[in-house]
């Protein structure tokens, strides 16, 4: 894949969601919600502040992140679905 996000943007691949509930009930595709977890595939160089200094992002490639449910823009690259979002849309890093 050849894409480089700009400024404070990230390229995130959603993690696969559960097919069954904890009780063993299979969830049909129409009832599934989009997961709000993903893995960072690419990061931009960071945001430039008012004085011209670049602020480095706190998220790195390979981090598993939790993001806002409606954050980001859906894109399709090389047949795979990704999200492009700002670092501000990331709620936390899953450790």
PDB file of N, CA and C in Angstrom:
ATOM      1  N   UNK A   1       0.846  -1.163   0.000  1.00  0.00           N
ATOM      2  CA  UNK A   1       0.000   0.000   0.000  1.00  0.00           C
ATOM      3  C   UNK A   1       0.900   1.236   0.000  1.00  0.00           C
ATOM      4  N   UNK A   2       0.560   2.181  -0.818  1.00  0.00           N
ATOM      5  CA  UNK A   2       1.370   3.390  -0.902  1.00  0.00           C
ATOM      6  C   UNK A   2       0.498   4.598  -0.616  1.00  0.00           C
ATOM      7  N   UNK A   3       0.345   4.886   0.664  1.00  0.00           N
ATOM      8  CA  UNK A   3      -0.383   6.083   1.079  1.00  0.00           C
ATOM      9  C   UNK A   3       0.303   6.615   2.325  1.00  0.00           C
ATOM     10  N   UNK A   4       0.428   7.922   2.373  1.00  0.00           N
ATOM     11  CA  UNK A   4       1.042   8.579   3.517  1.00  0.00           C
ATOM     12  C   UNK A   4       0.084   9.655   4.008  1.00  0.00           C
ATOM     13  N   UNK A   5      -0.513   9.450   5.192  1.00  0.00           N
ATOM     14  CA  UNK A   5      -1.422  10.467   5.720  1.00  0.00           C
ATOM     15  C   UNK A   5      -0.683  11.785   5.969  1.00  0.00           C
ATOM     16  N   UNK A   6      -1.396  12.877   5.835  1.00  0.00           N
ATOM     17  CA  UNK A   6      -0.809  14.191   6.045  1.00  0.00           C
ATOM     18  C   UNK A   6      -1.056  14.683   7.466  1.00  0.00           C
ATOM     19  N   UNK A   7      -0.172  15.522   7.940  1.00  0.00           N
ATOM     20  CA  UNK A   7      -0.271  16.197   9.235  1.00  0.00           C
ATOM     21  C   UNK A   7      -0.618  15.234  10.368  1.00  0.00           C
ATOM     22  N   UNK A   8      -1.725  15.482  11.081  1.00  0.00           N
ATOM     23  CA  UNK A   8      -2.058  14.661  12.253  1.00  0.00           C
ATOM     24  C   UNK A   8      -3.076  13.571  11.923  1.00  0.00           C
ATOM     25  N   UNK A   9      -3.092  13.123  10.688  1.00  0.00           N
ATOM     26  CA  UNK A   9      -4.043  12.084  10.295  1.00  0.00           C
ATOM     27  C   UNK A   9      -3.414  10.692  10.401  1.00  0.00           C
ATOM     28  N   UNK A  10      -4.296   9.692  10.582  1.00  0.00           N
ATOM     29  CA  UNK A  10      -3.891   8.302  10.725  1.00  0.00           C
ATOM     30  C   UNK A  10      -4.684   7.446   9.751  1.00  0.00           C
ATOM     31  N   UNK A  11      -4.106   6.344   9.336  1.00  0.00           N
ATOM     32  CA  UNK A  11      -4.812   5.343   8.551  1.00  0.00           C
ATOM     33  C   UNK A  11      -5.042   4.161   9.485  1.00  0.00           C
ATOM     34  N   UNK A  12      -6.310   3.811   9.712  1.00  0.00           N
ATOM     35  CA  UNK A  12      -6.663   2.786  10.696  1.00  0.00           C
ATOM     36  C   UNK A  12      -7.465   1.685  10.020  1.00  0.00           C
ATOM     37  N   UNK A  13      -7.093   0.435  10.311  1.00  0.00           N
ATOM     38  CA  UNK A  13      -7.857  -0.722   9.828  1.00  0.00           C
ATOM     39  C   UNK A  13      -8.701  -1.232  10.986  1.00  0.00           C
ATOM     40  N   UNK A  14     -10.023  -1.300  10.769  1.00  0.00           N
ATOM     41  CA  UNK A  14     -10.915  -1.793  11.821  1.00  0.00           C
ATOM     42  C   UNK A  14     -10.582  -3.244  12.160  1.00  0.00           C
ATOM     43  N   UNK A  15     -10.674  -3.578  13.451  1.00  0.00           N
ATOM     44  CA  UNK A  15     -10.494  -4.958  13.879  1.00  0.00           C
ATOM     45  C   UNK A  15     -11.778  -5.729  13.617  1.00  0.00           C
ATOM     46  N   UNK A  16     -11.653  -7.018  13.372  1.00  0.00           N
ATOM     47  CA  UNK A  16     -12.827  -7.861  13.126  1.00  0.00           C
ATOM     48  C   UNK A  16     -13.679  -7.927  14.381  1.00  0.00           C
ATOM     49  N   UNK A  17     -14.977  -7.922  14.183  1.00  0.00           N
ATOM     50  CA  UNK A  17     -15.872  -7.965  15.329  1.00  0.00           C
ATOM     51  C   UNK A  17     -16.290  -9.398  15.620  1.00  0.00           C
ATOM     52  N   UNK A  18     -16.866  -9.600  16.790  1.00  0.00           N
ATOM     53  CA  UNK A  18     -17.296 -10.914  17.227  1.00  0.00           C
ATOM     54  C   UNK A  18     -18.481 -11.401  16.393  1.00  0.00           C
ATOM     55  N   UNK A  19     -18.457 -12.672  16.030  1.00  0.00           N
ATOM     56  CA  UNK A  19     -19.552 -13.286  15.287  1.00  0.00           C
ATOM     57  C   UNK A  19     -20.629 -13.821  16.221  1.00  0.00           C
ATOM     58  N   UNK A  20     -20.255 -14.086  17.489  1.00  0.00           N
ATOM     59  CA  UNK A  20     -21.189 -14.636  18.466  1.00  0.00           C
ATOM     60  C   UNK A  20     -21.195 -13.777  19.720  1.00  0.00           C
ATOM     61  N   UNK A  21     -22.299 -13.841  20.459  1.00  0.00           N
ATOM     62  CA  UNK A  21     -22.360 -13.182  21.759  1.00  0.00           C
ATOM     63  C   UNK A  21     -21.716 -14.093  22.791  1.00  0.00           C
ATOM     64  N   UNK A  22     -21.577 -13.613  24.007  1.00  0.00           N
ATOM     65  CA  UNK A  22     -20.985 -14.426  25.069  1.00  0.00           C
ATOM     66  C   UNK A  22     -21.823 -15.671  25.348  1.00  0.00           C
ATOM     67  N   UNK A  23     -23.120 -15.608  25.106  1.00  0.00           N
ATOM     68  CA  UNK A  23     -24.002 -16.742  25.320  1.00  0.00           C
ATOM     69  C   UNK A  23     -24.037 -17.724  24.156  1.00  0.00           C
ATOM     70  N   UNK A  24     -23.334 -17.437  23.065  1.00  0.00           N
ATOM     71  CA  UNK A  24     -23.269 -18.349  21.930  1.00  0.00           C
ATOM     72  C   UNK A  24     -24.243 -18.044  20.816  1.00  0.00           C
ATOM     73  N   UNK A  25     -24.966 -16.942  20.900  1.00  0.00           N
ATOM     74  CA  UNK A  25     -25.917 -16.568  19.853  1.00  0.00           C
ATOM     75  C   UNK A  25     -25.158 -15.939  18.692  1.00  0.00           C
ATOM     76  N   UNK A  26     -25.406 -16.434  17.481  1.00  0.00           N
ATOM     77  CA  UNK A  26     -24.736 -15.901  16.291  1.00  0.00           C
ATOM     78  C   UNK A  26     -25.423 -14.608  15.871  1.00  0.00           C
ATOM     79  N   UNK A  27     -24.625 -13.571  15.629  1.00  0.00           N
ATOM     80  CA  UNK A  27     -25.144 -12.256  15.261  1.00  0.00           C
ATOM     81  C   UNK A  27     -25.173 -12.141  13.738  1.00  0.00           C
ATOM     82  N   UNK A  28     -26.340 -11.855  13.128  1.00  0.00           N
ATOM     83  CA  UNK A  28     -26.391 -11.685  11.674  1.00  0.00           C
ATOM     84  C   UNK A  28     -25.707 -10.383  11.253  1.00  0.00           C
ATOM     85  N   UNK A  29     -25.254 -10.334  10.000  1.00  0.00           N
ATOM     86  CA  UNK A  29     -24.545  -9.153   9.496  1.00  0.00           C
ATOM     87  C   UNK A  29     -25.364  -7.877   9.621  1.00  0.00           C
ATOM     88  N   UNK A  30     -26.679  -7.962   9.437  1.00  0.00           N
ATOM     89  CA  UNK A  30     -27.519  -6.768   9.480  1.00  0.00           C
ATOM     90  C   UNK A  30     -27.616  -6.173  10.881  1.00  0.00           C
ATOM     91  N   UNK A  31     -27.355  -6.961  11.917  1.00  0.00           N
ATOM     92  CA  UNK A  31     -27.478  -6.482  13.293  1.00  0.00           C
ATOM     93  C   UNK A  31     -26.143  -6.060  13.899  1.00  0.00           C
ATOM     94  N   UNK A  32     -25.056  -6.289  13.179  1.00  0.00           N
ATOM     95  CA  UNK A  32     -23.729  -5.960  13.718  1.00  0.00           C
ATOM     96  C   UNK A  32     -23.480  -4.464  13.661  1.00  0.00           C
ATOM     97  N   UNK A  33     -22.813  -3.977  14.688  1.00  0.00           N
ATOM     98  CA  UNK A  33     -22.370  -2.588  14.679  1.00  0.00           C
ATOM     99  C   UNK A  33     -20.918  -2.560  14.229  1.00  0.00           C
ATOM    100  N   UNK A  34     -20.512  -1.459  13.637  1.00  0.00           N
ATOM    101  CA  UNK A  34     -19.115  -1.326  13.247  1.00  0.00           C
ATOM    102  C   UNK A  34     -18.270  -1.238  14.515  1.00  0.00           C
ATOM    103  N   UNK A  35     -17.192  -2.001  14.559  1.00  0.00           N
ATOM    104  CA  UNK A  35     -16.350  -1.939  15.762  1.00  0.00           C
ATOM    105  C   UNK A  35     -15.657  -0.588  15.878  1.00  0.00           C
ATOM    106  N   UNK A  36     -15.434  -0.167  17.112  1.00  0.00           N
ATOM    107  CA  UNK A  36     -14.764   1.105  17.367  1.00  0.00           C
ATOM    108  C   UNK A  36     -13.327   0.864  17.792  1.00  0.00           C
ATOM    109  N   UNK A  37     -12.770  -0.275  17.371  1.00  0.00           N
ATOM    110  CA  UNK A  37     -11.377  -0.593  17.648  1.00  0.00           C
ATOM    111  C   UNK A  37     -10.687  -0.846  16.320  1.00  0.00           C
ATOM    112  N   UNK A  38      -9.410  -0.510  16.268  1.00  0.00           N
ATOM    113  CA  UNK A  38      -8.668  -0.734  15.045  1.00  0.00           C
ATOM    114  C   UNK A  38      -7.180  -0.745  15.294  1.00  0.00           C
ATOM    115  N   UNK A  39      -6.456  -1.062  14.226  1.00  0.00           N
ATOM    116  CA  UNK A  39      -4.995  -1.069  14.289  1.00  0.00           C
ATOM    117  C   UNK A  39      -4.472   0.005  13.345  1.00  0.00           C
ATOM    118  N   UNK A  40      -3.531   0.783  13.823  1.00  0.00           N
ATOM    119  CA  UNK A  40      -2.967   1.881  13.040  1.00  0.00           C
ATOM    120  C   UNK A  40      -2.052   1.307  11.963  1.00  0.00           C
ATOM    121  N   UNK A  41      -2.351   1.634  10.698  1.00  0.00           N
ATOM    122  CA  UNK A  41      -1.573   1.143   9.570  1.00  0.00           C
ATOM    123  C   UNK A  41      -0.536   2.164   9.095  1.00  0.00           C
ATOM    124  N   UNK A  42      -0.823   3.458   9.260  1.00  0.00           N
ATOM    125  CA  UNK A  42       0.107   4.517   8.844  1.00  0.00           C
ATOM    126  C   UNK A  42      -0.204   5.779   9.630  1.00  0.00           C
ATOM    127  N   UNK A  43       0.808   6.592   9.862  1.00  0.00           N
ATOM    128  CA  UNK A  43       0.632   7.858  10.579  1.00  0.00           C
ATOM    129  C   UNK A  43       1.281   8.989   9.798  1.00  0.00           C
ATOM    130  N   UNK A  44       0.728  10.172   9.958  1.00  0.00           N
ATOM    131  CA  UNK A  44       1.305  11.360   9.346  1.00  0.00           C
ATOM    132  C   UNK A  44       2.465  11.881  10.178  1.00  0.00           C
ATOM    133  N   UNK A  45       3.149  12.900   9.703  1.00  0.00           N
ATOM    134  CA  UNK A  45       4.312  13.431  10.414  1.00  0.00           C
ATOM    135  C   UNK A  45       3.969  14.240  11.666  1.00  0.00           C
ATOM    136  N   UNK A  46       2.735  14.652  11.822  1.00  0.00           N
ATOM    137  CA  UNK A  46       2.334  15.437  12.999  1.00  0.00           C
ATOM    138  C   UNK A  46       1.819  16.804  12.600  1.00  0.00           C
ATOM    139  N   UNK A  47       1.178  17.442  13.560  1.00  0.00           N
ATOM    140  CA  UNK A  47       0.561  18.749  13.345  1.00  0.00           C
ATOM    141  C   UNK A  47       1.604  19.859  13.546  1.00  0.00           C
ATOM    142  N   UNK A  48       1.452  20.949  12.812  1.00  0.00           N
ATOM    143  CA  UNK A  48       2.327  22.110  12.975  1.00  0.00           C
ATOM    144  C   UNK A  48       1.592  23.141  13.820  1.00  0.00           C
ATOM    145  N   UNK A  49       2.235  23.572  14.919  1.00  0.00           N
ATOM    146  CA  UNK A  49       1.579  24.561  15.785  1.00  0.00           C
ATOM    147  C   UNK A  49       1.777  25.972  15.238  1.00  0.00           C
ATOM    148  N   UNK A  50       1.279  26.965  15.961  1.00  0.00           N
ATOM    149  CA  UNK A  50       1.325  28.354  15.501  1.00  0.00           C
ATOM    150  C   UNK A  50       2.741  28.898  15.342  1.00  0.00           C
ATOM    151  N   UNK A  51       3.677  28.370  16.119  1.00  0.00           N
ATOM    152  CA  UNK A  51       5.057  28.854  16.029  1.00  0.00           C
ATOM    153  C   UNK A  51       5.860  28.134  14.945  1.00  0.00           C
ATOM    154  N   UNK A  52       5.252  27.146  14.270  1.00  0.00           N
ATOM    155  CA  UNK A  52       5.942  26.444  13.194  1.00  0.00           C
ATOM    156  C   UNK A  52       6.603  25.152  13.619  1.00  0.00           C
ATOM    157  N   UNK A  53       6.499  24.796  14.893  1.00  0.00           N
ATOM    158  CA  UNK A  53       7.083  23.536  15.361  1.00  0.00           C
ATOM    159  C   UNK A  53       6.126  22.390  15.078  1.00  0.00           C
ATOM    160  N   UNK A  54       6.683  21.251  14.705  1.00  0.00           N
ATOM    161  CA  UNK A  54       5.875  20.068  14.435  1.00  0.00           C
ATOM    162  C   UNK A  54       5.648  19.304  15.732  1.00  0.00           C
ATOM    163  N   UNK A  55       4.389  18.997  16.023  1.00  0.00           N
ATOM    164  CA  UNK A  55       4.023  18.232  17.213  1.00  0.00           C
ATOM    165  C   UNK A  55       3.912  16.767  16.797  1.00  0.00           C
ATOM    166  N   UNK A  56       4.767  15.927  17.345  1.00  0.00           N
ATOM    167  CA  UNK A  56       4.804  14.508  16.993  1.00  0.00           C
ATOM    168  C   UNK A  56       3.562  13.806  17.551  1.00  0.00           C
ATOM    169  N   UNK A  57       3.027  12.855  16.784  1.00  0.00           N
ATOM    170  CA  UNK A  57       1.842  12.115  17.206  1.00  0.00           C
ATOM    171  C   UNK A  57       2.179  11.139  18.328  1.00  0.00           C
ATOM    172  N   UNK A  58       1.207  10.874  19.191  1.00  0.00           N
ATOM    173  CA  UNK A  58       1.388   9.932  20.296  1.00  0.00           C
ATOM    174  C   UNK A  58       1.090   8.497  19.867  1.00  0.00           C
ATOM    175  N   UNK A  59       0.489   8.332  18.715  1.00  0.00           N
ATOM    176  CA  UNK A  59       0.112   7.016  18.204  1.00  0.00           C
ATOM    177  C   UNK A  59       1.137   6.578  17.171  1.00  0.00           C
ATOM    178  N   UNK A  60       1.504   5.286  17.200  1.00  0.00           N
ATOM    179  CA  UNK A  60       2.488   4.751  16.263  1.00  0.00           C
ATOM    180  C   UNK A  60       1.866   3.629  15.433  1.00  0.00           C
ATOM    181  N   UNK A  61       2.498   3.287  14.330  1.00  0.00           N
ATOM    182  CA  UNK A  61       2.040   2.187  13.483  1.00  0.00           C
ATOM    183  C   UNK A  61       2.041   0.901  14.302  1.00  0.00           C
ATOM    184  N   UNK A  62       0.960   0.136  14.196  1.00  0.00           N
ATOM    185  CA  UNK A  62       0.841  -1.126  14.921  1.00  0.00           C
ATOM    186  C   UNK A  62       0.079  -1.022  16.228  1.00  0.00           C
ATOM    187  N   UNK A  63      -0.166   0.194  16.716  1.00  0.00           N
ATOM    188  CA  UNK A  63      -0.934   0.374  17.957  1.00  0.00           C
ATOM    189  C   UNK A  63      -2.387  -0.027  17.731  1.00  0.00           C
ATOM    190  N   UNK A  64      -2.973  -0.688  18.713  1.00  0.00           N
ATOM    191  CA  UNK A  64      -4.404  -0.966  18.700  1.00  0.00           C
ATOM    192  C   UNK A  64      -5.079   0.186  19.424  1.00  0.00           C
ATOM    193  N   UNK A  65      -6.056   0.808  18.776  1.00  0.00           N
ATOM    194  CA  UNK A  65      -6.668   2.019  19.313  1.00  0.00           C
ATOM    195  C   UNK A  65      -8.176   1.881  19.417  1.00  0.00           C
ATOM    196  N   UNK A  66      -8.739   2.681  20.282  1.00  0.00           N
ATOM    197  CA  UNK A  66     -10.181   2.819  20.445  1.00  0.00           C
ATOM    198  C   UNK A  66     -10.522   4.205  19.920  1.00  0.00           C
ATOM    199  N   UNK A  67     -11.489   4.292  19.015  1.00  0.00           N
ATOM    200  CA  UNK A  67     -11.818   5.587  18.421  1.00  0.00           C
ATOM    201  C   UNK A  67     -13.304   5.859  18.520  1.00  0.00           C
ATOM    202  N   UNK A  68     -13.683   7.107  18.303  1.00  0.00           N
ATOM    203  CA  UNK A  68     -15.089   7.489  18.389  1.00  0.00           C
ATOM    204  C   UNK A  68     -15.881   6.768  17.303  1.00  0.00           C
ATOM    205  N   UNK A  69     -17.100   6.430  17.621  1.00  0.00           N
ATOM    206  CA  UNK A  69     -17.929   5.579  16.770  1.00  0.00           C
ATOM    207  C   UNK A  69     -18.118   6.150  15.363  1.00  0.00           C
ATOM    208  N   UNK A  70     -18.308   7.440  15.268  1.00  0.00           N
ATOM    209  CA  UNK A  70     -18.559   8.051  13.961  1.00  0.00           C
ATOM    210  C   UNK A  70     -17.365   8.860  13.455  1.00  0.00           C
ATOM    211  N   UNK A  71     -16.196   8.624  14.016  1.00  0.00           N
ATOM    212  CA  UNK A  71     -15.007   9.358  13.608  1.00  0.00           C
ATOM    213  C   UNK A  71     -14.396   8.786  12.341  1.00  0.00           C
ATOM    214  N   UNK A  72     -13.730   9.614  11.610  1.00  0.00           N
ATOM    215  CA  UNK A  72     -12.986   9.172  10.441  1.00  0.00           C
ATOM    216  C   UNK A  72     -13.797   9.125   9.165  1.00  0.00           C
ATOM    217  N   UNK A  73     -13.079   8.908   8.073  1.00  0.00           N
ATOM    218  CA  UNK A  73     -13.660   8.805   6.743  1.00  0.00           C
ATOM    219  C   UNK A  73     -13.328   7.432   6.183  1.00  0.00           C
ATOM    220  N   UNK A  74     -14.351   6.693   5.735  1.00  0.00           N
ATOM    221  CA  UNK A  74     -14.130   5.369   5.164  1.00  0.00           C
ATOM    222  C   UNK A  74     -13.463   5.486   3.808  1.00  0.00           C
ATOM    223  N   UNK A  75     -12.412   4.678   3.590  1.00  0.00           N
ATOM    224  CA  UNK A  75     -11.738   4.607   2.293  1.00  0.00           C
ATOM    225  C   UNK A  75     -11.444   3.145   1.983  1.00  0.00           C
ATOM    226  N   UNK A  76     -11.338   2.834   0.703  1.00  0.00           N
ATOM    227  CA  UNK A  76     -11.008   1.473   0.278  1.00  0.00           C
ATOM    228  C   UNK A  76      -9.690   1.532  -0.482  1.00  0.00           C
ATOM    229  N   UNK A  77      -8.682   0.794   0.007  1.00  0.00           N
ATOM    230  CA  UNK A  77      -7.365   0.772  -0.610  1.00  0.00           C
ATOM    231  C   UNK A  77      -6.955  -0.671  -0.850  1.00  0.00           C
ATOM    232  N   UNK A  78      -6.558  -0.995  -2.052  1.00  0.00           N
ATOM    233  CA  UNK A  78      -6.143  -2.353  -2.408  1.00  0.00           C
ATOM    234  C   UNK A  78      -7.178  -3.392  -1.999  1.00  0.00           C
ATOM    235  N   UNK A  79      -8.455  -3.053  -2.116  1.00  0.00           N
ATOM    236  CA  UNK A  79      -9.525  -3.984  -1.799  1.00  0.00           C
ATOM    237  C   UNK A  79      -9.841  -4.132  -0.319  1.00  0.00           C
ATOM    238  N   UNK A  80      -9.185  -3.365   0.545  1.00  0.00           N
ATOM    239  CA  UNK A  80      -9.426  -3.434   1.984  1.00  0.00           C
ATOM    240  C   UNK A  80     -10.024  -2.117   2.462  1.00  0.00           C
ATOM    241  N   UNK A  81     -10.861  -2.207   3.502  1.00  0.00           N
ATOM    242  CA  UNK A  81     -11.495  -1.021   4.073  1.00  0.00           C
ATOM    243  C   UNK A  81     -10.645  -0.445   5.189  1.00  0.00           C
ATOM    244  N   UNK A  82     -10.445   0.874   5.151  1.00  0.00           N
ATOM    245  CA  UNK A  82      -9.690   1.600   6.155  1.00  0.00           C
ATOM    246  C   UNK A  82     -10.461   2.847   6.558  1.00  0.00           C
ATOM    247  N   UNK A  83      -9.988   3.492   7.598  1.00  0.00           N
ATOM    248  CA  UNK A  83     -10.490   4.797   8.019  1.00  0.00           C
ATOM    249  C   UNK A  83      -9.322   5.762   8.027  1.00  0.00           C
ATOM    250  N   UNK A  84      -9.564   6.977   7.558  1.00  0.00           N
ATOM    251  CA  UNK A  84      -8.586   8.048   7.730  1.00  0.00           C
ATOM    252  C   UNK A  84      -9.194   8.990   8.754  1.00  0.00           C
ATOM    253  N   UNK A  85      -8.464   9.229   9.835  1.00  0.00           N
ATOM    254  CA  UNK A  85      -8.990  10.068  10.913  1.00  0.00           C
ATOM    255  C   UNK A  85      -7.874  10.899  11.521  1.00  0.00           C
ATOM    256  N   UNK A  86      -8.285  11.929  12.233  1.00  0.00           N
ATOM    257  CA  UNK A  86      -7.328  12.769  12.956  1.00  0.00           C
ATOM    258  C   UNK A  86      -6.982  12.101  14.285  1.00  0.00           C
ATOM    259  N   UNK A  87      -5.840  12.466  14.808  1.00  0.00           N
ATOM    260  CA  UNK A  87      -5.439  11.915  16.109  1.00  0.00           C
ATOM    261  C   UNK A  87      -6.446  12.288  17.193  1.00  0.00           C
ATOM    262  N   UNK A  88      -7.130  13.416  17.042  1.00  0.00           N
ATOM    263  CA  UNK A  88      -8.140  13.842  18.017  1.00  0.00           C
ATOM    264  C   UNK A  88      -9.310  12.863  18.107  1.00  0.00           C
ATOM    265  N   UNK A  89      -9.566  12.073  17.033  1.00  0.00           N
ATOM    266  CA  UNK A  89     -10.653  11.098  17.049  1.00  0.00           C
ATOM    267  C   UNK A  89     -10.295   9.837  17.840  1.00  0.00           C
ATOM    268  N   UNK A  90      -9.012   9.654  18.158  1.00  0.00           N
ATOM    269  CA  UNK A  90      -8.571   8.492  18.925  1.00  0.00           C
ATOM    270  C   UNK A  90      -8.848   8.755  20.405  1.00  0.00           C
ATOM    271  N   UNK A  91      -9.574   7.807  21.028  1.00  0.00           N
ATOM    272  CA  UNK A  91      -9.920   7.953  22.440  1.00  0.00           C
ATOM    273  C   UNK A  91      -8.848   7.352  23.345  1.00  0.00           C
ATOM    274  N   UNK A  92      -8.156   6.333  22.870  1.00  0.00           N
ATOM    275  CA  UNK A  92      -7.124   5.720  23.698  1.00  0.00           C
ATOM    276  C   UNK A  92      -6.408   4.617  22.949  1.00  0.00           C
ATOM    277  N   UNK A  93      -5.252   4.213  23.490  1.00  0.00           N
ATOM    278  CA  UNK A  93      -4.458   3.118  22.940  1.00  0.00           C
ATOM    279  C   UNK A  93      -4.719   1.902  23.822  1.00  0.00           C
ATOM    280  N   UNK A  94      -5.054   0.769  23.201  1.00  0.00           N
ATOM    281  CA  UNK A  94      -5.320  -0.470  23.930  1.00  0.00           C
ATOM    282  C   UNK A  94      -3.998  -1.187  24.143  1.00  0.00           C
ATOM    283  N   UNK A  95      -3.700  -1.492  25.399  1.00  0.00           N
ATOM    284  CA  UNK A  95      -2.424  -2.169  25.720  1.00  0.00           C
ATOM    285  C   UNK A  95      -2.654  -3.602  26.117  1.00  0.00           C
TER     286      UNK A  95
END
